[in-house]
């Protein structure tokens, strides 16, 4: 039977290894758009980069409401759903810093600087999502 995760458990779960999130944003017509993202937790915020001209970048600039799902698709199956509001940051020092940290998580510390340089340029955004709601369950199939 599924069990709710504690605050500590869900934070460890989403921060484990290289799990990606599926990010849902709101299109101009109100329909959802979903895209996988690399992310990091920073306190009570989730942080990621995206291009200003991407669908998610345009959606977030217009409407900051988001929902994300991080899951483990192996039995007994666990997942975390997060909802919140995004804040867009274009300061290139911050964009580069977090792009490097994201690169370190997903590609290894030796490539962090490369990803910081590649994604810390004009036209790239840093997105900080203030987490407002969490639904986290473990062992769904037990």
N, C-alpha and C. Protein backbone atom coordinates (compact mmCIF):
# COMPACT_ATOMS: atom_id res chain seq x y z
N UNK A 1 0.84 -1.18 0.00
CA UNK A 1 0.00 0.00 0.00
C UNK A 1 0.89 1.24 0.00
N UNK A 2 0.54 2.22 -0.80
CA UNK A 2 1.31 3.46 -0.92
C UNK A 2 1.41 4.16 0.44
N UNK A 3 2.56 4.79 0.64
CA UNK A 3 2.80 5.55 1.86
C UNK A 3 3.25 6.95 1.48
N UNK A 4 2.84 7.94 2.25
CA UNK A 4 3.30 9.30 2.02
C UNK A 4 4.76 9.42 2.44
N UNK A 5 5.53 10.15 1.66
CA UNK A 5 6.92 10.42 2.03
C UNK A 5 6.96 11.58 3.01
N UNK A 6 7.94 11.56 3.88
CA UNK A 6 8.18 12.70 4.77
C UNK A 6 8.86 13.80 3.96
N UNK A 7 8.96 14.97 4.55
CA UNK A 7 9.65 16.09 3.90
C UNK A 7 11.09 15.69 3.54
N UNK A 8 11.78 15.08 4.47
CA UNK A 8 13.16 14.65 4.22
C UNK A 8 13.21 13.62 3.10
N UNK A 9 12.29 12.66 3.11
CA UNK A 9 12.28 11.60 2.09
C UNK A 9 12.06 12.15 0.69
N UNK A 10 11.09 13.05 0.52
CA UNK A 10 10.84 13.52 -0.85
C UNK A 10 11.99 14.37 -1.35
N UNK A 11 12.62 15.14 -0.46
CA UNK A 11 13.77 15.95 -0.87
C UNK A 11 14.94 15.06 -1.29
N UNK A 12 15.19 14.01 -0.54
CA UNK A 12 16.25 13.06 -0.91
C UNK A 12 15.90 12.36 -2.22
N UNK A 13 14.64 11.99 -2.39
CA UNK A 13 14.19 11.29 -3.59
C UNK A 13 14.44 12.13 -4.84
N UNK A 14 13.99 13.39 -4.84
CA UNK A 14 14.13 14.21 -6.05
C UNK A 14 15.59 14.60 -6.30
N UNK A 15 16.41 14.57 -5.27
CA UNK A 15 17.82 14.96 -5.41
C UNK A 15 18.73 13.78 -5.72
N UNK A 16 18.19 12.59 -5.73
CA UNK A 16 18.99 11.38 -5.94
C UNK A 16 19.44 11.24 -7.40
N UNK A 17 20.73 11.05 -7.59
CA UNK A 17 21.26 10.76 -8.92
C UNK A 17 20.91 11.79 -9.96
N UNK A 18 20.48 11.30 -11.10
CA UNK A 18 20.18 12.17 -12.24
C UNK A 18 18.71 12.09 -12.65
N UNK A 19 17.85 11.92 -11.68
CA UNK A 19 16.42 11.91 -12.02
C UNK A 19 16.04 13.25 -12.65
N UNK A 20 15.26 13.17 -13.72
CA UNK A 20 14.75 14.39 -14.35
C UNK A 20 13.32 14.63 -13.86
N UNK A 21 12.84 15.83 -14.11
CA UNK A 21 11.45 16.17 -13.81
C UNK A 21 10.71 16.35 -15.11
N UNK A 22 9.43 16.09 -15.08
CA UNK A 22 8.55 16.42 -16.19
C UNK A 22 7.84 17.70 -15.76
N UNK A 23 8.11 18.77 -16.47
CA UNK A 23 7.59 20.09 -16.14
C UNK A 23 6.36 20.39 -16.98
N UNK A 24 5.29 20.79 -16.33
CA UNK A 24 4.07 21.20 -17.02
C UNK A 24 3.91 22.71 -16.85
N UNK A 25 3.75 23.40 -17.99
CA UNK A 25 3.49 24.83 -18.00
C UNK A 25 2.17 25.07 -18.73
N UNK A 26 1.71 26.31 -18.69
CA UNK A 26 0.42 26.66 -19.29
C UNK A 26 0.64 27.45 -20.57
N UNK A 27 0.14 26.92 -21.67
CA UNK A 27 0.22 27.62 -22.96
C UNK A 27 -0.74 28.82 -22.97
N UNK A 28 -0.54 29.69 -23.93
CA UNK A 28 -1.37 30.89 -24.04
C UNK A 28 -2.86 30.55 -24.19
N UNK A 29 -3.17 29.42 -24.82
CA UNK A 29 -4.58 29.04 -24.98
C UNK A 29 -5.12 28.27 -23.77
N UNK A 30 -4.29 28.11 -22.73
CA UNK A 30 -4.72 27.42 -21.51
C UNK A 30 -4.40 25.94 -21.48
N UNK A 31 -3.94 25.40 -22.59
CA UNK A 31 -3.63 23.97 -22.61
C UNK A 31 -2.26 23.72 -21.98
N UNK A 32 -2.02 22.49 -21.52
CA UNK A 32 -0.75 22.19 -20.87
C UNK A 32 0.37 21.91 -21.88
N UNK A 33 1.58 22.17 -21.47
CA UNK A 33 2.77 21.80 -22.22
C UNK A 33 3.68 21.07 -21.23
N UNK A 34 4.21 19.92 -21.63
CA UNK A 34 5.07 19.14 -20.74
C UNK A 34 6.41 18.94 -21.41
N UNK A 35 7.49 19.11 -20.61
CA UNK A 35 8.84 18.90 -21.12
C UNK A 35 9.72 18.36 -19.98
N UNK A 36 10.66 17.47 -20.31
CA UNK A 36 11.59 17.01 -19.29
C UNK A 36 12.62 18.09 -19.01
N UNK A 37 13.05 18.18 -17.74
CA UNK A 37 14.07 19.17 -17.38
C UNK A 37 15.08 18.58 -16.40
N UNK A 38 16.29 19.17 -16.43
CA UNK A 38 17.27 18.99 -15.38
C UNK A 38 16.93 20.01 -14.31
N UNK A 39 17.12 19.67 -13.04
CA UNK A 39 16.77 20.59 -11.96
C UNK A 39 17.62 20.32 -10.73
N UNK A 40 17.57 21.27 -9.82
CA UNK A 40 18.18 21.14 -8.49
C UNK A 40 17.21 21.72 -7.47
N UNK A 41 17.26 21.19 -6.26
CA UNK A 41 16.55 21.81 -5.15
C UNK A 41 17.49 22.80 -4.50
N UNK A 42 16.97 23.97 -4.19
CA UNK A 42 17.71 24.99 -3.45
C UNK A 42 16.79 25.47 -2.33
N UNK A 43 16.89 24.82 -1.19
CA UNK A 43 15.97 25.13 -0.09
C UNK A 43 14.56 24.75 -0.45
N UNK A 44 13.66 25.74 -0.43
CA UNK A 44 12.26 25.49 -0.77
C UNK A 44 11.94 25.91 -2.21
N UNK A 45 12.97 25.97 -3.03
CA UNK A 45 12.79 26.29 -4.44
C UNK A 45 13.42 25.22 -5.31
N UNK A 46 12.82 25.03 -6.46
CA UNK A 46 13.37 24.16 -7.48
C UNK A 46 13.96 25.06 -8.55
N UNK A 47 15.16 24.75 -9.03
CA UNK A 47 15.90 25.62 -9.94
C UNK A 47 16.20 24.88 -11.24
N UNK A 48 16.00 25.56 -12.37
CA UNK A 48 16.39 24.99 -13.66
C UNK A 48 16.64 26.12 -14.66
N UNK A 49 17.25 25.77 -15.78
CA UNK A 49 17.50 26.71 -16.87
C UNK A 49 16.63 26.35 -18.06
N UNK A 50 16.32 27.35 -18.85
CA UNK A 50 15.66 27.13 -20.14
C UNK A 50 15.93 28.33 -21.03
N UNK A 51 15.72 28.14 -22.30
CA UNK A 51 15.86 29.24 -23.24
C UNK A 51 14.64 30.15 -23.20
N UNK A 52 14.88 31.44 -23.35
CA UNK A 52 13.79 32.42 -23.34
C UNK A 52 12.80 32.18 -24.47
N UNK A 53 13.28 31.68 -25.61
CA UNK A 53 12.42 31.51 -26.77
C UNK A 53 11.81 30.11 -26.88
N UNK A 54 12.09 29.22 -25.92
CA UNK A 54 11.48 27.89 -25.95
C UNK A 54 10.01 28.00 -25.57
N UNK A 55 9.26 26.96 -25.83
CA UNK A 55 7.85 26.95 -25.45
C UNK A 55 7.73 27.15 -23.94
N UNK A 56 8.51 26.41 -23.17
CA UNK A 56 8.39 26.56 -21.71
C UNK A 56 8.88 27.92 -21.26
N UNK A 57 9.91 28.46 -21.88
CA UNK A 57 10.39 29.80 -21.53
C UNK A 57 9.34 30.86 -21.79
N UNK A 58 8.70 30.78 -22.93
CA UNK A 58 7.62 31.74 -23.25
C UNK A 58 6.44 31.57 -22.32
N UNK A 59 6.06 30.30 -22.06
CA UNK A 59 4.94 30.04 -21.16
C UNK A 59 5.22 30.60 -19.76
N UNK A 60 6.41 30.35 -19.24
CA UNK A 60 6.75 30.78 -17.88
C UNK A 60 6.85 32.29 -17.76
N UNK A 61 7.28 32.95 -18.82
CA UNK A 61 7.36 34.40 -18.81
C UNK A 61 5.96 35.02 -18.74
N UNK A 62 5.00 34.36 -19.37
CA UNK A 62 3.63 34.84 -19.40
C UNK A 62 2.82 34.40 -18.17
N UNK A 63 3.03 33.16 -17.74
CA UNK A 63 2.23 32.58 -16.65
C UNK A 63 3.14 31.66 -15.84
N UNK A 64 3.44 32.02 -14.62
CA UNK A 64 4.42 31.30 -13.82
C UNK A 64 3.93 30.04 -13.15
N UNK A 65 2.69 29.66 -13.35
CA UNK A 65 2.19 28.43 -12.71
C UNK A 65 2.84 27.20 -13.33
N UNK A 66 3.31 26.30 -12.45
CA UNK A 66 3.94 25.07 -12.91
C UNK A 66 3.52 23.89 -12.04
N UNK A 67 3.65 22.71 -12.63
CA UNK A 67 3.55 21.45 -11.91
C UNK A 67 4.67 20.57 -12.44
N UNK A 68 5.28 19.80 -11.55
CA UNK A 68 6.37 18.91 -11.94
C UNK A 68 6.15 17.53 -11.36
N UNK A 69 6.63 16.53 -12.06
CA UNK A 69 6.59 15.17 -11.57
C UNK A 69 7.99 14.58 -11.67
N UNK A 70 8.45 13.98 -10.59
CA UNK A 70 9.69 13.22 -10.57
C UNK A 70 9.29 11.83 -10.11
N UNK A 71 9.69 10.79 -10.85
CA UNK A 71 9.25 9.45 -10.47
C UNK A 71 10.34 8.42 -10.63
N UNK A 72 10.11 7.29 -10.00
CA UNK A 72 10.93 6.10 -10.18
C UNK A 72 10.01 5.08 -10.79
N UNK A 73 10.30 4.70 -12.04
CA UNK A 73 9.39 3.82 -12.77
C UNK A 73 9.67 2.34 -12.54
N UNK A 74 10.44 2.04 -11.50
CA UNK A 74 10.72 0.64 -11.15
C UNK A 74 9.89 0.26 -9.92
N UNK A 75 9.38 -0.98 -9.90
CA UNK A 75 8.62 -1.41 -8.73
C UNK A 75 9.46 -1.26 -7.47
N UNK A 76 8.86 -0.84 -6.37
CA UNK A 76 7.42 -0.70 -6.12
C UNK A 76 6.85 0.67 -6.51
N UNK A 77 7.59 1.51 -7.24
CA UNK A 77 7.14 2.79 -7.80
C UNK A 77 6.96 3.87 -6.73
N UNK A 78 7.67 4.97 -6.96
CA UNK A 78 7.61 6.15 -6.10
C UNK A 78 7.44 7.37 -6.99
N UNK A 79 6.85 8.43 -6.45
CA UNK A 79 6.77 9.67 -7.22
C UNK A 79 6.61 10.87 -6.29
N UNK A 80 7.00 12.03 -6.84
CA UNK A 80 6.81 13.30 -6.16
C UNK A 80 6.20 14.27 -7.16
N UNK A 81 5.09 14.90 -6.77
CA UNK A 81 4.47 15.96 -7.57
C UNK A 81 4.67 17.27 -6.83
N UNK A 82 5.15 18.27 -7.54
CA UNK A 82 5.38 19.59 -6.96
C UNK A 82 4.59 20.62 -7.76
N UNK A 83 4.00 21.57 -7.06
CA UNK A 83 3.32 22.69 -7.72
C UNK A 83 3.87 23.97 -7.14
N UNK A 84 3.91 25.00 -7.98
CA UNK A 84 4.38 26.28 -7.49
C UNK A 84 4.33 27.35 -8.56
N UNK A 85 5.00 28.44 -8.25
CA UNK A 85 5.08 29.58 -9.16
C UNK A 85 6.53 29.87 -9.49
N UNK A 86 6.76 30.11 -10.76
CA UNK A 86 8.11 30.36 -11.26
C UNK A 86 8.44 31.84 -11.24
N UNK A 87 9.68 32.12 -10.94
CA UNK A 87 10.24 33.47 -11.01
C UNK A 87 11.39 33.38 -12.02
N UNK A 88 11.40 34.29 -12.97
CA UNK A 88 12.40 34.30 -14.05
C UNK A 88 13.54 35.24 -13.69
N UNK A 89 14.77 34.75 -13.87
CA UNK A 89 15.96 35.55 -13.61
C UNK A 89 16.82 35.53 -14.86
N UNK A 90 17.24 36.73 -15.31
CA UNK A 90 18.07 36.82 -16.51
C UNK A 90 19.49 37.29 -16.20
N UNK A 91 19.81 37.53 -14.94
CA UNK A 91 21.16 37.93 -14.56
C UNK A 91 22.14 36.83 -14.98
N UNK A 92 23.05 37.17 -15.90
CA UNK A 92 23.91 36.14 -16.50
C UNK A 92 24.84 35.48 -15.50
N UNK A 93 25.27 36.18 -14.47
CA UNK A 93 26.12 35.54 -13.46
C UNK A 93 25.35 34.43 -12.76
N UNK A 94 24.10 34.68 -12.41
CA UNK A 94 23.28 33.65 -11.77
C UNK A 94 22.92 32.53 -12.74
N UNK A 95 22.57 32.89 -13.97
CA UNK A 95 22.23 31.88 -14.97
C UNK A 95 23.43 30.95 -15.16
N UNK A 96 24.62 31.51 -15.30
CA UNK A 96 25.83 30.71 -15.52
C UNK A 96 26.14 29.84 -14.30
N UNK A 97 26.04 30.42 -13.11
CA UNK A 97 26.33 29.66 -11.88
C UNK A 97 25.45 28.41 -11.80
N UNK A 98 24.15 28.60 -11.95
CA UNK A 98 23.23 27.46 -11.82
C UNK A 98 23.33 26.50 -12.99
N UNK A 99 23.63 27.02 -14.18
CA UNK A 99 23.83 26.13 -15.33
C UNK A 99 25.02 25.21 -15.06
N UNK A 100 26.06 25.74 -14.43
CA UNK A 100 27.22 24.91 -14.06
C UNK A 100 26.87 23.88 -13.02
N UNK A 101 26.08 24.26 -12.03
CA UNK A 101 25.67 23.31 -11.00
C UNK A 101 24.79 22.21 -11.58
N UNK A 102 23.91 22.60 -12.50
CA UNK A 102 23.07 21.60 -13.16
C UNK A 102 23.91 20.66 -14.00
N UNK A 103 24.87 21.21 -14.73
CA UNK A 103 25.78 20.39 -15.52
C UNK A 103 26.54 19.40 -14.66
N UNK A 104 26.96 19.85 -13.48
CA UNK A 104 27.68 18.96 -12.56
C UNK A 104 26.81 17.80 -12.12
N UNK A 105 25.55 18.09 -11.80
CA UNK A 105 24.66 17.01 -11.35
C UNK A 105 24.42 15.98 -12.44
N UNK A 106 24.13 16.45 -13.64
CA UNK A 106 23.68 15.54 -14.69
C UNK A 106 24.80 15.01 -15.59
N UNK A 107 25.89 15.75 -15.71
CA UNK A 107 26.97 15.33 -16.61
C UNK A 107 28.29 15.06 -15.91
N UNK A 108 28.35 15.37 -14.61
CA UNK A 108 29.58 15.15 -13.86
C UNK A 108 30.31 16.45 -13.60
N UNK A 109 30.98 16.50 -12.47
CA UNK A 109 31.69 17.70 -12.03
C UNK A 109 32.69 18.18 -13.09
N UNK A 110 33.31 17.26 -13.79
CA UNK A 110 34.33 17.64 -14.79
C UNK A 110 33.75 18.41 -15.97
N UNK A 111 32.44 18.38 -16.15
CA UNK A 111 31.82 19.11 -17.27
C UNK A 111 31.00 20.31 -16.80
N UNK A 112 31.03 20.60 -15.50
CA UNK A 112 30.22 21.69 -14.95
C UNK A 112 30.54 23.03 -15.62
N UNK A 113 31.81 23.36 -15.73
CA UNK A 113 32.19 24.65 -16.33
C UNK A 113 31.74 24.74 -17.78
N UNK A 114 31.86 23.65 -18.50
CA UNK A 114 31.41 23.61 -19.90
C UNK A 114 29.92 23.95 -20.02
N UNK A 115 29.10 23.35 -19.16
CA UNK A 115 27.66 23.60 -19.22
C UNK A 115 27.32 25.00 -18.72
N UNK A 116 28.07 25.49 -17.74
CA UNK A 116 27.88 26.86 -17.29
C UNK A 116 28.13 27.85 -18.41
N UNK A 117 29.21 27.64 -19.16
CA UNK A 117 29.56 28.53 -20.27
C UNK A 117 28.55 28.41 -21.41
N UNK A 118 28.13 27.19 -21.71
CA UNK A 118 27.20 26.96 -22.82
C UNK A 118 25.81 27.54 -22.53
N UNK A 119 25.35 27.41 -21.28
CA UNK A 119 23.99 27.81 -20.95
C UNK A 119 23.90 29.11 -20.16
N UNK A 120 25.03 29.76 -19.90
CA UNK A 120 25.02 31.02 -19.17
C UNK A 120 25.20 32.21 -20.09
N UNK A 121 24.40 32.26 -21.14
CA UNK A 121 24.54 33.28 -22.18
C UNK A 121 23.23 34.04 -22.37
N UNK A 122 23.29 35.21 -23.01
CA UNK A 122 22.04 35.94 -23.28
C UNK A 122 21.03 35.05 -24.00
N UNK A 123 19.79 35.17 -23.60
CA UNK A 123 18.73 34.34 -24.18
C UNK A 123 18.39 33.13 -23.33
N UNK A 124 19.24 32.85 -22.34
CA UNK A 124 18.96 31.76 -21.41
C UNK A 124 18.39 32.33 -20.12
N UNK A 125 17.55 31.57 -19.48
CA UNK A 125 16.88 32.00 -18.26
C UNK A 125 17.21 31.07 -17.10
N UNK A 126 17.24 31.62 -15.91
CA UNK A 126 17.24 30.84 -14.69
C UNK A 126 15.82 30.91 -14.17
N UNK A 127 15.26 29.76 -13.85
CA UNK A 127 13.90 29.69 -13.34
C UNK A 127 13.95 29.15 -11.92
N UNK A 128 13.36 29.88 -11.00
CA UNK A 128 13.26 29.46 -9.60
C UNK A 128 11.78 29.27 -9.28
N UNK A 129 11.41 28.05 -8.92
CA UNK A 129 10.02 27.74 -8.61
C UNK A 129 9.87 27.65 -7.10
N UNK A 130 9.07 28.54 -6.55
CA UNK A 130 8.73 28.47 -5.13
C UNK A 130 7.73 27.33 -4.95
N UNK A 131 8.13 26.29 -4.23
CA UNK A 131 7.28 25.11 -4.07
C UNK A 131 6.15 25.44 -3.10
N UNK A 132 4.92 25.30 -3.60
CA UNK A 132 3.73 25.62 -2.81
C UNK A 132 2.97 24.38 -2.35
N UNK A 133 3.09 23.28 -3.10
CA UNK A 133 2.35 22.07 -2.77
C UNK A 133 3.19 20.86 -3.15
N UNK A 134 3.18 19.85 -2.28
CA UNK A 134 3.92 18.62 -2.52
C UNK A 134 3.00 17.44 -2.28
N UNK A 135 2.99 16.49 -3.20
CA UNK A 135 2.36 15.19 -3.03
C UNK A 135 3.45 14.17 -3.32
N UNK A 136 3.83 13.39 -2.34
CA UNK A 136 4.94 12.45 -2.50
C UNK A 136 4.55 11.10 -1.91
N UNK A 137 4.63 10.06 -2.74
CA UNK A 137 4.26 8.73 -2.27
C UNK A 137 5.32 7.73 -2.68
N UNK A 138 5.48 6.72 -1.82
CA UNK A 138 6.45 5.66 -2.07
C UNK A 138 5.74 4.31 -1.99
N UNK A 139 6.36 3.34 -2.62
CA UNK A 139 5.88 1.96 -2.57
C UNK A 139 4.42 1.83 -3.00
N UNK A 140 4.12 2.41 -4.14
CA UNK A 140 2.73 2.42 -4.62
C UNK A 140 2.21 1.01 -4.88
N UNK A 141 3.08 0.12 -5.36
CA UNK A 141 2.64 -1.22 -5.72
C UNK A 141 2.75 -2.24 -4.59
N UNK A 142 3.24 -1.82 -3.43
CA UNK A 142 3.34 -2.77 -2.30
C UNK A 142 2.00 -3.00 -1.66
